[in-house]
C-alpha atoms as a PDB file:
ATOM      1  CA  UNK A   1      80.235  93.657  91.238  1.00  0.00           C
ATOM      2  CA  UNK A   2      77.954  96.492  92.185  1.00  0.00           C
ATOM      3  CA  UNK A   3      79.507  99.870  92.859  1.00  0.00           C
ATOM      4  CA  UNK A   4      81.119 100.287  96.207  1.00  0.00           C
ATOM      5  CA  UNK A   5      79.145 102.248  98.691  1.00  0.00           C
ATOM      6  CA  UNK A   6      80.505 105.466 100.040  1.00  0.00           C
ATOM      7  CA  UNK A   7      83.061 105.215 102.792  1.00  0.00           C
ATOM      8  CA  UNK A   8      81.056 107.078 105.430  1.00  0.00           C
ATOM      9  CA  UNK A   9      77.650 108.542 104.785  1.00  0.00           C
ATOM     10  CA  UNK A  10      76.074 110.817 107.440  1.00  0.00           C
ATOM     11  CA  UNK A  11      74.171 107.942 109.080  1.00  0.00           C
ATOM     12  CA  UNK A  12      77.336 105.866 109.403  1.00  0.00           C
ATOM     13  CA  UNK A  13      79.044 108.884 110.949  1.00  0.00           C
ATOM     14  CA  UNK A  14      76.130 109.249 113.355  1.00  0.00           C
ATOM     15  CA  UNK A  15      76.437 105.613 114.419  1.00  0.00           C
ATOM     16  CA  UNK A  16      80.165 105.994 114.990  1.00  0.00           C
ATOM     17  CA  UNK A  17      79.698 109.147 117.046  1.00  0.00           C
ATOM     18  CA  UNK A  18      77.150 107.363 119.234  1.00  0.00           C
ATOM     19  CA  UNK A  19      79.582 104.625 120.284  1.00  0.00           C
ATOM     20  CA  UNK A  20      81.229 106.544 123.165  1.00  0.00           C
ATOM     21  CA  UNK A  21      77.808 107.432 124.611  1.00  0.00           C
ATOM     22  CA  UNK A  22      76.602 103.839 124.223  1.00  0.00           C
ATOM     23  CA  UNK A  23      79.748 102.577 125.986  1.00  0.00           C
ATOM     24  CA  UNK A  24      79.245 104.990 128.891  1.00  0.00           C
ATOM     25  CA  UNK A  25      75.566 104.102 129.278  1.00  0.00           C
ATOM     26  CA  UNK A  26      76.364 100.388 129.061  1.00  0.00           C
ATOM     27  CA  UNK A  27      78.886 100.664 131.921  1.00  0.00           C
ATOM     28  CA  UNK A  28      76.362 102.564 134.039  1.00  0.00           C
ATOM     29  CA  UNK A  29      73.649 100.031 133.241  1.00  0.00           C
ATOM     30  CA  UNK A  30      75.952  97.130 134.134  1.00  0.00           C
ATOM     31  CA  UNK A  31      76.555  98.685 137.537  1.00  0.00           C
ATOM     32  CA  UNK A  32      72.847  99.330 138.138  1.00  0.00           C
ATOM     33  CA  UNK A  33      71.895  95.778 137.117  1.00  0.00           C
ATOM     34  CA  UNK A  34      74.601  94.406 139.385  1.00  0.00           C
ATOM     35  CA  UNK A  35      73.297  96.355 142.376  1.00  0.00           C
ATOM     36  CA  UNK A  36      69.687  95.464 141.579  1.00  0.00           C
ATOM     37  CA  UNK A  37      70.600  91.832 141.092  1.00  0.00           C
ATOM     38  CA  UNK A  38      72.210  91.611 144.516  1.00  0.00           C
ATOM     39  CA  UNK A  39      69.130  93.192 146.114  1.00  0.00           C
ATOM     40  CA  UNK A  40      66.732  90.753 144.437  1.00  0.00           C
ATOM     41  CA  UNK A  41      68.998  87.724 144.467  1.00  0.00           C
ATOM     42  CA  UNK A  42      69.238  87.363 140.676  1.00  0.00           C
ATOM     43  CA  UNK A  43      71.431  84.668 139.220  1.00  0.00           C
ATOM     44  CA  UNK A  44      74.165  85.645 136.751  1.00  0.00           C
ATOM     45  CA  UNK A  45      72.004  84.407 133.857  1.00  0.00           C
ATOM     46  CA  UNK A  46      69.007  86.520 134.950  1.00  0.00           C
ATOM     47  CA  UNK A  47      71.197  89.602 135.476  1.00  0.00           C
ATOM     48  CA  UNK A  48      72.710  89.171 132.010  1.00  0.00           C
ATOM     49  CA  UNK A  49      69.231  88.869 130.504  1.00  0.00           C
ATOM     50  CA  UNK A  50      68.062  92.139 132.114  1.00  0.00           C
ATOM     51  CA  UNK A  51      71.288  93.891 131.110  1.00  0.00           C
ATOM     52  CA  UNK A  52      70.950  92.924 127.430  1.00  0.00           C
ATOM     53  CA  UNK A  53      67.229  93.720 127.385  1.00  0.00           C
ATOM     54  CA  UNK A  54      67.687  97.205 128.829  1.00  0.00           C
ATOM     55  CA  UNK A  55      70.788  97.910 126.722  1.00  0.00           C
ATOM     56  CA  UNK A  56      68.818  97.155 123.549  1.00  0.00           C
ATOM     57  CA  UNK A  57      66.132  99.576 124.707  1.00  0.00           C
ATOM     58  CA  UNK A  58      68.705 102.297 125.434  1.00  0.00           C
ATOM     59  CA  UNK A  59      70.399 101.861 122.056  1.00  0.00           C
ATOM     60  CA  UNK A  60      67.053 101.942 120.263  1.00  0.00           C
ATOM     61  CA  UNK A  61      66.156 105.180 122.059  1.00  0.00           C
ATOM     62  CA  UNK A  62      69.471 106.714 120.964  1.00  0.00           C
ATOM     63  CA  UNK A  63      68.879 105.664 117.364  1.00  0.00           C
ATOM     64  CA  UNK A  64      65.417 107.227 117.455  1.00  0.00           C
ATOM     65  CA  UNK A  65      66.743 110.384 119.103  1.00  0.00           C
ATOM     66  CA  UNK A  66      69.440 110.924 116.458  1.00  0.00           C
ATOM     67  CA  UNK A  67      67.496 109.364 113.551  1.00  0.00           C
ATOM     68  CA  UNK A  68      70.332 107.027 112.573  1.00  0.00           C
ATOM     69  CA  UNK A  69      69.095 103.462 112.751  1.00  0.00           C
ATOM     70  CA  UNK A  70      71.676 101.122 111.113  1.00  0.00           C
ATOM     71  CA  UNK A  71      69.080  99.801 108.638  1.00  0.00           C
ATOM     72  CA  UNK A  72      68.721 103.267 107.129  1.00  0.00           C
ATOM     73  CA  UNK A  73      72.409 103.229 106.217  1.00  0.00           C
ATOM     74  CA  UNK A  74      71.764 100.169 104.020  1.00  0.00           C
ATOM     75  CA  UNK A  75      68.828 101.642 102.110  1.00  0.00           C
ATOM     76  CA  UNK A  76      71.095 102.927  99.340  1.00  0.00           C
ATOM     77  CA  UNK A  77      72.405  99.403  98.742  1.00  0.00           C
ATOM     78  CA  UNK A  78      68.849  98.066  98.359  1.00  0.00           C
ATOM     79  CA  UNK A  79      68.370 100.617  95.570  1.00  0.00           C
ATOM     80  CA  UNK A  80      71.810 100.276  93.965  1.00  0.00           C
ATOM     81  CA  UNK A  81      71.909  96.509  93.561  1.00  0.00           C
ATOM     82  CA  UNK A  82      68.529  96.036  91.780  1.00  0.00           C
ATOM     83  CA  UNK A  83      69.299  99.013  89.539  1.00  0.00           C
ATOM     84  CA  UNK A  84      72.740  97.606  88.704  1.00  0.00           C
ATOM     85  CA  UNK A  85      71.212  94.235  87.805  1.00  0.00           C
ATOM     86  CA  UNK A  86      68.397  95.737  85.722  1.00  0.00           C
ATOM     87  CA  UNK A  87      70.704  98.042  83.759  1.00  0.00           C
ATOM     88  CA  UNK A  88      73.139  95.176  83.137  1.00  0.00           C
ATOM     89  CA  UNK A  89      70.358  92.934  81.803  1.00  0.00           C
ATOM     90  CA  UNK A  90      69.002  95.769  79.669  1.00  0.00           C
ATOM     91  CA  UNK A  91      72.430  96.365  78.108  1.00  0.00           C
ATOM     92  CA  UNK A  92      72.875  92.650  77.465  1.00  0.00           C
ATOM     93  CA  UNK A  93      69.482  92.411  75.776  1.00  0.00           C
ATOM     94  CA  UNK A  94      70.171  95.490  73.669  1.00  0.00           C
ATOM     95  CA  UNK A  95      73.585  94.149  72.662  1.00  0.00           C
ATOM     96  CA  UNK A  96      72.825  90.532  71.807  1.00  0.00           C
ATOM     97  CA  UNK A  97      69.088  89.956  72.040  1.00  0.00           C
ATOM     98  CA  UNK A  98      67.442  93.103  70.756  1.00  0.00           C
ATOM     99  CA  UNK A  99      64.301  92.490  68.688  1.00  0.00           C
ATOM    100  CA  UNK A 100      64.951  95.786  66.945  1.00  0.00           C
ATOM    101  CA  UNK A 101      68.095  95.241  64.876  1.00  0.00           C
ATOM    102  CA  UNK A 102      68.580  99.011  64.683  1.00  0.00           C
ATOM    103  CA  UNK A 103      69.435  99.173  68.411  1.00  0.00           C
ATOM    104  CA  UNK A 104      72.050  96.466  68.057  1.00  0.00           C
ATOM    105  CA  UNK A 105      73.507  98.127  64.954  1.00  0.00           C
ATOM    106  CA  UNK A 106      73.836 101.446  66.781  1.00  0.00           C
ATOM    107  CA  UNK A 107      75.648  99.763  69.660  1.00  0.00           C
ATOM    108  CA  UNK A 108      77.932  97.871  67.301  1.00  0.00           C
ATOM    109  CA  UNK A 109      79.149 101.185  65.888  1.00  0.00           C
ATOM    110  CA  UNK A 110      78.745 103.343  68.998  1.00  0.00           C
ATOM    111  CA  UNK A 111      81.937 102.546  70.842  1.00  0.00           C
ATOM    112  CA  UNK A 112      85.166 104.488  71.143  1.00  0.00           C
ATOM    113  CA  UNK A 113      88.907 104.001  71.395  1.00  0.00           C
ATOM    114  CA  UNK A 114      89.660 100.251  71.303  1.00  0.00           C
ATOM    115  CA  UNK A 115      86.088  99.093  72.102  1.00  0.00           C
ATOM    116  CA  UNK A 116      84.388 100.344  68.936  1.00  0.00           C
ATOM    117  CA  UNK A 117      81.868  97.474  68.951  1.00  0.00           C
ATOM    118  CA  UNK A 118      79.841  97.595  72.171  1.00  0.00           C
ATOM    119  CA  UNK A 119      78.017  94.372  71.330  1.00  0.00           C
ATOM    120  CA  UNK A 120      81.233  92.316  71.349  1.00  0.00           C
ATOM    121  CA  UNK A 121      83.421  91.387  74.343  1.00  0.00           C
ATOM    122  CA  UNK A 122      86.598  93.409  74.855  1.00  0.00           C
ATOM    123  CA  UNK A 123      89.222  91.188  73.254  1.00  0.00           C
ATOM    124  CA  UNK A 124      92.042  93.311  74.712  1.00  0.00           C
ATOM    125  CA  UNK A 125      90.838  92.632  78.284  1.00  0.00           C
ATOM    126  CA  UNK A 126      91.549  96.278  79.159  1.00  0.00           C
ATOM    127  CA  UNK A 127      88.013  96.955  80.424  1.00  0.00           C
ATOM    128  CA  UNK A 128      87.773  93.702  82.463  1.00  0.00           C
ATOM    129  CA  UNK A 129      91.202  94.150  84.067  1.00  0.00           C
ATOM    130  CA  UNK A 130      90.490  97.823  84.828  1.00  0.00           C
ATOM    131  CA  UNK A 131      87.192  96.767  86.408  1.00  0.00           C
ATOM    132  CA  UNK A 132      88.930  94.216  88.621  1.00  0.00           C
ATOM    133  CA  UNK A 133      91.600  96.682  89.708  1.00  0.00           C
ATOM    134  CA  UNK A 134      89.082  99.403  90.591  1.00  0.00           C
ATOM    135  CA  UNK A 135      86.944  96.952  92.589  1.00  0.00           C
ATOM    136  CA  UNK A 136      89.996  95.603  94.400  1.00  0.00           C
ATOM    137  CA  UNK A 137      91.090  99.144  95.201  1.00  0.00           C
ATOM    138  CA  UNK A 138      87.670  99.877  96.744  1.00  0.00           C
ATOM    139  CA  UNK A 139      87.923  96.737  98.888  1.00  0.00           C
ATOM    140  CA  UNK A 140      91.493  97.495  99.972  1.00  0.00           C
ATOM    141  CA  UNK A 141      90.628 101.077 100.905  1.00  0.00           C
ATOM    142  CA  UNK A 142      87.979  99.740 103.270  1.00  0.00           C
ATOM    143  CA  UNK A 143      90.342  97.089 104.594  1.00  0.00           C
ATOM    144  CA  UNK A 144      93.060  99.682 105.242  1.00  0.00           C
ATOM    145  CA  UNK A 145      90.915 101.589 107.733  1.00  0.00           C
ATOM    146  CA  UNK A 146      92.513 101.474 111.171  1.00  0.00           C
ATOM    147  CA  UNK A 147      89.708 100.003 113.211  1.00  0.00           C
ATOM    148  CA  UNK A 148      88.857  96.715 114.863  1.00  0.00           C
ATOM    149  CA  UNK A 149      87.057  94.300 112.574  1.00  0.00           C
ATOM    150  CA  UNK A 150      85.073  91.225 113.440  1.00  0.00           C
ATOM    151  CA  UNK A 151      85.652  87.793 111.954  1.00  0.00           C
ATOM    152  CA  UNK A 152      82.555  88.264 109.801  1.00  0.00           C
ATOM    153  CA  UNK A 153      83.936  91.529 108.425  1.00  0.00           C
ATOM    154  CA  UNK A 154      87.223  89.819 107.581  1.00  0.00           C
ATOM    155  CA  UNK A 155      85.362  87.043 105.779  1.00  0.00           C
ATOM    156  CA  UNK A 156      83.253  89.609 103.924  1.00  0.00           C
ATOM    157  CA  UNK A 157      86.391  91.493 102.853  1.00  0.00           C
ATOM    158  CA  UNK A 158      87.993  88.309 101.520  1.00  0.00           C
ATOM    159  CA  UNK A 159      84.737  87.400  99.769  1.00  0.00           C
ATOM    160  CA  UNK A 160      84.663  90.737  97.928  1.00  0.00           C
ATOM    161  CA  UNK A 161      88.327  90.313  97.013  1.00  0.00           C
ATOM    162  CA  UNK A 162      87.467  87.008  95.367  1.00  0.00           C
ATOM    163  CA  UNK A 163      84.412  88.511  93.645  1.00  0.00           C
ATOM    164  CA  UNK A 164      86.554  91.360  92.284  1.00  0.00           C
ATOM    165  CA  UNK A 165      88.986  88.889  90.727  1.00  0.00           C
ATOM    166  CA  UNK A 166      86.232  86.608  89.402  1.00  0.00           C
ATOM    167  CA  UNK A 167      84.561  89.581  87.729  1.00  0.00           C
ATOM    168  CA  UNK A 168      87.574  89.983  85.418  1.00  0.00           C
ATOM    169  CA  UNK A 169      86.957  86.843  83.296  1.00  0.00           C
ATOM    170  CA  UNK A 170      83.205  87.397  83.569  1.00  0.00           C
ATOM    171  CA  UNK A 171      83.536  90.927  82.159  1.00  0.00           C
ATOM    172  CA  UNK A 172      85.714  89.541  79.348  1.00  0.00           C
ATOM    173  CA  UNK A 173      82.870  87.333  78.114  1.00  0.00           C
ATOM    174  CA  UNK A 174      80.022  89.864  78.118  1.00  0.00           C
ATOM    175  CA  UNK A 175      79.374  92.673  75.603  1.00  0.00           C
ATOM    176  CA  UNK A 176      81.649  95.685  76.006  1.00  0.00           C
ATOM    177  CA  UNK A 177      78.592  97.804  76.786  1.00  0.00           C
ATOM    178  CA  UNK A 178      78.125  95.836  80.035  1.00  0.00           C
ATOM    179  CA  UNK A 179      81.823  95.868  80.925  1.00  0.00           C
ATOM    180  CA  UNK A 180      81.958  99.617  80.297  1.00  0.00           C
ATOM    181  CA  UNK A 181      78.906 100.199  82.491  1.00  0.00           C
ATOM    182  CA  UNK A 182      80.366  98.040  85.279  1.00  0.00           C
ATOM    183  CA  UNK A 183      83.681  99.904  85.108  1.00  0.00           C
ATOM    184  CA  UNK A 184      81.958 103.315  85.120  1.00  0.00           C
ATOM    185  CA  UNK A 185      79.758 102.283  88.054  1.00  0.00           C
ATOM    186  CA  UNK A 186      82.699 101.004  90.094  1.00  0.00           C
ATOM    187  CA  UNK A 187      84.779 104.069  89.248  1.00  0.00           C
ATOM    188  CA  UNK A 188      81.987 106.295  90.555  1.00  0.00           C
ATOM    189  CA  UNK A 189      81.884 104.218  93.733  1.00  0.00           C
ATOM    190  CA  UNK A 190      85.640 104.670  94.148  1.00  0.00           C
ATOM    191  CA  UNK A 191      85.295 108.413  93.512  1.00  0.00           C
ATOM    192  CA  UNK A 192      82.584 108.708  96.173  1.00  0.00           C
ATOM    193  CA  UNK A 193      84.760 106.816  98.651  1.00  0.00           C
ATOM    194  CA  UNK A 194      87.713 109.108  98.076  1.00  0.00           C
ATOM    195  CA  UNK A 195      85.660 112.311  98.021  1.00  0.00           C
ATOM    196  CA  UNK A 196      83.910 111.516 101.305  1.00  0.00           C
ATOM    197  CA  UNK A 197      87.301 111.102 102.973  1.00  0.00           C
ATOM    198  CA  UNK A 198      88.251 114.716 102.290  1.00  0.00           C
ATOM    199  CA  UNK A 199      87.966 116.742 105.538  1.00  0.00           C
ATOM    200  CA  UNK A 200      87.214 119.879 103.509  1.00  0.00           C
ATOM    201  CA  UNK A 201      84.359 118.211 101.628  1.00  0.00           C
ATOM    202  CA  UNK A 202      82.972 116.676 104.830  1.00  0.00           C
ATOM    203  CA  UNK A 203      82.869 120.050 106.586  1.00  0.00           C
ATOM    204  CA  UNK A 204      81.269 121.564 103.464  1.00  0.00           C
ATOM    205  CA  UNK A 205      78.511 118.926 103.702  1.00  0.00           C
ATOM    206  CA  UNK A 206      78.182 119.490 107.479  1.00  0.00           C
ATOM    207  CA  UNK A 207      79.240 115.902 108.223  1.00  0.00           C
ATOM    208  CA  UNK A 208      80.355 115.808 111.871  1.00  0.00           C
ATOM    209  CA  UNK A 209      83.913 114.815 112.650  1.00  0.00           C
ATOM    210  CA  UNK A 210      84.435 111.239 113.858  1.00  0.00           C
ATOM    211  CA  UNK A 211      87.125 109.606 115.935  1.00  0.00           C
ATOM    212  CA  UNK A 212      88.389 107.606 112.949  1.00  0.00           C
ATOM    213  CA  UNK A 213      88.575 110.633 110.634  1.00  0.00           C
ATOM    214  CA  UNK A 214      92.046 111.586 109.449  1.00  0.00           C
ATOM    215  CA  UNK A 215      93.392 114.990 108.440  1.00  0.00           C
ATOM    216  CA  UNK A 216      95.525 113.320 105.750  1.00  0.00           C
ATOM    217  CA  UNK A 217      93.234 110.552 104.408  1.00  0.00           C
ATOM    218  CA  UNK A 218      94.828 110.121 100.987  1.00  0.00           C
ATOM    219  CA  UNK A 219      98.349 109.998 102.371  1.00  0.00           C
ATOM    220  CA  UNK A 220      97.155 107.405 104.894  1.00  0.00           C
ATOM    221  CA  UNK A 221      95.631 105.258 102.141  1.00  0.00           C
ATOM    222  CA  UNK A 222      98.829 105.303 100.084  1.00  0.00           C
ATOM    223  CA  UNK A 223     100.912 104.591 103.168  1.00  0.00           C
ATOM    224  CA  UNK A 224      98.682 101.678 104.227  1.00  0.00           C
ATOM    225  CA  UNK A 225      98.656 100.089 100.767  1.00  0.00           C
ATOM    226  CA  UNK A 226     102.403 100.620 100.353  1.00  0.00           C
ATOM    227  CA  UNK A 227     103.124  99.031 103.724  1.00  0.00           C
ATOM    228  CA  UNK A 228     100.725  96.132 103.152  1.00  0.00           C
ATOM    229  CA  UNK A 229     101.908  95.164  99.694  1.00  0.00           C
ATOM    230  CA  UNK A 230     105.546  96.277 100.034  1.00  0.00           C
ATOM    231  CA  UNK A 231     105.545  98.494  96.975  1.00  0.00           C
ATOM    232  CA  UNK A 232     108.810  99.954  98.205  1.00  0.00           C
ATOM    233  CA  UNK A 233     111.734  98.515 100.102  1.00  0.00           C
END
């Protein structure tokens, strides 16, 4: 599983801050279309068509004005995923398919702690289980956000839960070098998520405050997870 993206980058914040303005403009547009439709004798279908057409234009203008088109918020993912795949394949080739035996020998003796041989799978399952737990924690942190979610978002959340669990046995069968890289990558993703929830850090980076931002983000996360999974009576 590729590293989790940050909880709220500046473009995501921009999109969230635009929602109240979009809602206000949409209500005004609905009224104007209704009045215009009565004057011209539009049917409900025609009025709905003009409303959606003009609303798309208004939203596009707002995105251009504030330079926060939703696609730009996904650019990081389009870089992360190919890099994650390429590095994983490179580590696999170096661990089990290297033409230069010296590279494989260095990896076989370049580990630490319990995973001294980076070319062999982690027989203790510590790295795979840690990977699964970190990935699940990233997913649950997103799921714990107090906001309305669509059916697609719920399905996506459940999908990533399944992927996080499936990655445990997968990581147990690959060289430890890959499992270690996956764990490090996911841990960095988790760190970014937590760091970008800090109000102090957000103000330091000049990230504007959003409606969903909390003054006690970490306490809220613990409270949400505790309540959801009944860690305490």
